[in-house]
Amino acid sequence: MEKFLGTICIFNLTFMDRSITGMVKEVGKDFILLEMRDGRLLCARLDTILGFGMVKNQPGAV
């Protein structure tokens, strides 16, 4: 998961009805910290991730 630091990904989490999009800010031993578009942070355990994928157009990409 560390290779996704600083990238925007779409996550499907067990405790949410819909997928969410956020920038991966930190990856710990058993958690991930995501920053939403409005600046809020979401911390989730790694075992709650059902699936994820990177968005195609990353900000700042050349």
N, C-alpha and C. Protein backbone atom coordinates (compact mmCIF):
# COMPACT_ATOMS: atom_id res chain seq x y z
N MET A 1 0.82 -1.20 0.00
CA MET A 1 0.00 0.00 0.00
C MET A 1 0.86 1.27 0.00
N GLU A 2 2.11 1.17 0.47
CA GLU A 2 2.96 2.36 0.54
C GLU A 2 3.21 2.98 -0.82
N LYS A 3 3.19 2.16 -1.88
CA LYS A 3 3.46 2.72 -3.21
C LYS A 3 2.33 3.63 -3.70
N PHE A 4 1.19 3.65 -3.00
CA PHE A 4 0.08 4.50 -3.39
C PHE A 4 0.05 5.83 -2.62
N LEU A 5 1.05 6.07 -1.76
CA LEU A 5 1.10 7.34 -1.02
C LEU A 5 1.09 8.51 -1.98
N GLY A 6 0.26 9.50 -1.69
CA GLY A 6 0.17 10.69 -2.52
C GLY A 6 -0.68 10.55 -3.77
N THR A 7 -1.28 9.39 -3.98
CA THR A 7 -2.13 9.20 -5.15
C THR A 7 -3.61 9.21 -4.74
N ILE A 8 -4.45 9.52 -5.69
CA ILE A 8 -5.89 9.51 -5.45
C ILE A 8 -6.44 8.16 -5.89
N CYS A 9 -7.14 7.52 -4.97
CA CYS A 9 -7.69 6.18 -5.24
C CYS A 9 -9.17 6.14 -4.87
N ILE A 10 -9.85 5.20 -5.46
CA ILE A 10 -11.24 4.92 -5.12
C ILE A 10 -11.24 3.68 -4.25
N PHE A 11 -11.90 3.76 -3.09
CA PHE A 11 -11.91 2.65 -2.13
C PHE A 11 -13.32 2.14 -1.90
N ASN A 12 -13.44 0.85 -1.82
CA ASN A 12 -14.68 0.19 -1.43
C ASN A 12 -14.40 -0.39 -0.04
N LEU A 13 -15.05 0.19 1.00
CA LEU A 13 -14.81 -0.21 2.38
C LEU A 13 -16.02 -0.93 2.95
N THR A 14 -15.79 -1.87 3.85
CA THR A 14 -16.87 -2.69 4.39
C THR A 14 -17.91 -1.88 5.14
N PHE A 15 -17.53 -0.76 5.75
CA PHE A 15 -18.45 -0.01 6.60
C PHE A 15 -19.14 1.15 5.88
N MET A 16 -18.97 1.24 4.55
CA MET A 16 -19.61 2.31 3.79
C MET A 16 -20.47 1.71 2.69
N ASP A 17 -21.62 2.36 2.42
CA ASP A 17 -22.53 1.89 1.39
C ASP A 17 -22.00 2.14 -0.02
N ARG A 18 -21.27 3.25 -0.19
CA ARG A 18 -20.75 3.63 -1.50
C ARG A 18 -19.23 3.65 -1.46
N SER A 19 -18.61 3.60 -2.64
CA SER A 19 -17.16 3.76 -2.67
C SER A 19 -16.82 5.22 -2.44
N ILE A 20 -15.61 5.46 -1.96
CA ILE A 20 -15.16 6.82 -1.68
C ILE A 20 -13.86 7.06 -2.43
N THR A 21 -13.61 8.33 -2.71
CA THR A 21 -12.39 8.74 -3.39
C THR A 21 -11.59 9.61 -2.45
N GLY A 22 -10.32 9.32 -2.32
CA GLY A 22 -9.47 10.12 -1.46
C GLY A 22 -8.00 9.93 -1.77
N MET A 23 -7.19 10.89 -1.32
CA MET A 23 -5.75 10.80 -1.49
C MET A 23 -5.17 10.02 -0.32
N VAL A 24 -4.32 9.08 -0.62
CA VAL A 24 -3.66 8.27 0.42
C VAL A 24 -2.59 9.15 1.07
N LYS A 25 -2.81 9.50 2.34
CA LYS A 25 -1.89 10.38 3.06
C LYS A 25 -0.89 9.61 3.90
N GLU A 26 -1.31 8.47 4.46
CA GLU A 26 -0.43 7.70 5.33
C GLU A 26 -0.87 6.24 5.33
N VAL A 27 0.10 5.36 5.39
CA VAL A 27 -0.17 3.93 5.50
C VAL A 27 0.61 3.43 6.70
N GLY A 28 -0.11 2.88 7.68
CA GLY A 28 0.53 2.33 8.86
C GLY A 28 0.54 0.81 8.81
N LYS A 29 0.92 0.23 9.91
CA LYS A 29 1.00 -1.23 9.99
C LYS A 29 -0.36 -1.88 9.74
N ASP A 30 -1.42 -1.29 10.28
CA ASP A 30 -2.74 -1.88 10.12
C ASP A 30 -3.83 -0.85 9.80
N PHE A 31 -3.43 0.34 9.30
CA PHE A 31 -4.41 1.37 8.96
C PHE A 31 -3.98 2.15 7.73
N ILE A 32 -4.95 2.87 7.16
CA ILE A 32 -4.70 3.78 6.05
C ILE A 32 -5.40 5.10 6.36
N LEU A 33 -4.77 6.20 6.04
CA LEU A 33 -5.34 7.53 6.26
C LEU A 33 -5.60 8.16 4.90
N LEU A 34 -6.85 8.53 4.65
CA LEU A 34 -7.25 9.12 3.38
C LEU A 34 -7.70 10.56 3.59
N GLU A 35 -7.38 11.43 2.64
CA GLU A 35 -7.86 12.82 2.67
C GLU A 35 -8.90 12.99 1.58
N MET A 36 -10.11 13.37 1.98
CA MET A 36 -11.20 13.59 1.04
C MET A 36 -11.00 14.93 0.32
N ARG A 37 -11.77 15.18 -0.71
CA ARG A 37 -11.66 16.43 -1.48
C ARG A 37 -11.91 17.66 -0.63
N ASP A 38 -12.80 17.54 0.37
CA ASP A 38 -13.13 18.71 1.20
C ASP A 38 -12.16 18.88 2.37
N GLY A 39 -11.10 18.07 2.41
CA GLY A 39 -10.09 18.22 3.44
C GLY A 39 -10.26 17.33 4.66
N ARG A 40 -11.42 16.68 4.79
CA ARG A 40 -11.62 15.79 5.93
C ARG A 40 -10.73 14.56 5.79
N LEU A 41 -10.37 14.01 6.93
CA LEU A 41 -9.54 12.80 6.95
C LEU A 41 -10.38 11.60 7.36
N LEU A 42 -10.07 10.46 6.78
CA LEU A 42 -10.74 9.22 7.13
C LEU A 42 -9.65 8.19 7.41
N CYS A 43 -9.74 7.57 8.55
CA CYS A 43 -8.79 6.54 8.94
C CYS A 43 -9.55 5.21 8.94
N ALA A 44 -9.00 4.21 8.26
CA ALA A 44 -9.66 2.91 8.18
C ALA A 44 -8.63 1.80 8.38
N ARG A 45 -9.06 0.74 9.02
CA ARG A 45 -8.19 -0.44 9.15
C ARG A 45 -8.01 -1.08 7.77
N LEU A 46 -6.85 -1.62 7.53
CA LEU A 46 -6.57 -2.25 6.23
C LEU A 46 -7.50 -3.42 5.94
N ASP A 47 -7.95 -4.12 6.99
CA ASP A 47 -8.83 -5.27 6.74
C ASP A 47 -10.26 -4.88 6.40
N THR A 48 -10.56 -3.57 6.37
CA THR A 48 -11.89 -3.12 5.94
C THR A 48 -11.93 -2.79 4.45
N ILE A 49 -10.78 -2.85 3.78
CA ILE A 49 -10.72 -2.54 2.35
C ILE A 49 -11.15 -3.77 1.55
N LEU A 50 -12.26 -3.64 0.82
CA LEU A 50 -12.73 -4.72 -0.05
C LEU A 50 -12.04 -4.66 -1.40
N GLY A 51 -11.76 -3.44 -1.85
CA GLY A 51 -11.09 -3.25 -3.14
C GLY A 51 -10.77 -1.79 -3.33
N PHE A 52 -9.81 -1.50 -4.22
CA PHE A 52 -9.47 -0.12 -4.52
C PHE A 52 -8.80 -0.05 -5.89
N GLY A 53 -8.78 1.16 -6.44
CA GLY A 53 -8.11 1.39 -7.71
C GLY A 53 -7.72 2.86 -7.83
N MET A 54 -6.66 3.11 -8.56
CA MET A 54 -6.21 4.49 -8.77
C MET A 54 -7.09 5.17 -9.81
N VAL A 55 -7.35 6.47 -9.61
CA VAL A 55 -8.07 7.21 -10.63
C VAL A 55 -7.10 7.50 -11.78
N LYS A 56 -7.64 7.60 -12.97
CA LYS A 56 -6.81 7.73 -14.17
C LYS A 56 -6.05 9.06 -14.22
N ASN A 57 -6.72 10.16 -13.95
CA ASN A 57 -6.10 11.47 -14.03
C ASN A 57 -5.66 11.94 -12.66
N GLN A 58 -4.38 11.74 -12.36
CA GLN A 58 -3.83 12.16 -11.07
C GLN A 58 -3.44 13.64 -11.16
N PRO A 59 -3.76 14.44 -10.11
CA PRO A 59 -3.34 15.84 -10.15
C PRO A 59 -1.81 15.95 -10.13
N GLY A 60 -1.28 16.85 -10.93
CA GLY A 60 0.15 17.05 -10.98
C GLY A 60 0.89 16.04 -11.85
N ALA A 61 0.16 15.14 -12.48
CA ALA A 61 0.81 14.15 -13.35
C ALA A 61 1.18 14.80 -14.67
N VAL A 62 2.29 14.39 -15.22
CA VAL A 62 2.75 14.96 -16.49
C VAL A 62 2.25 14.13 -17.65
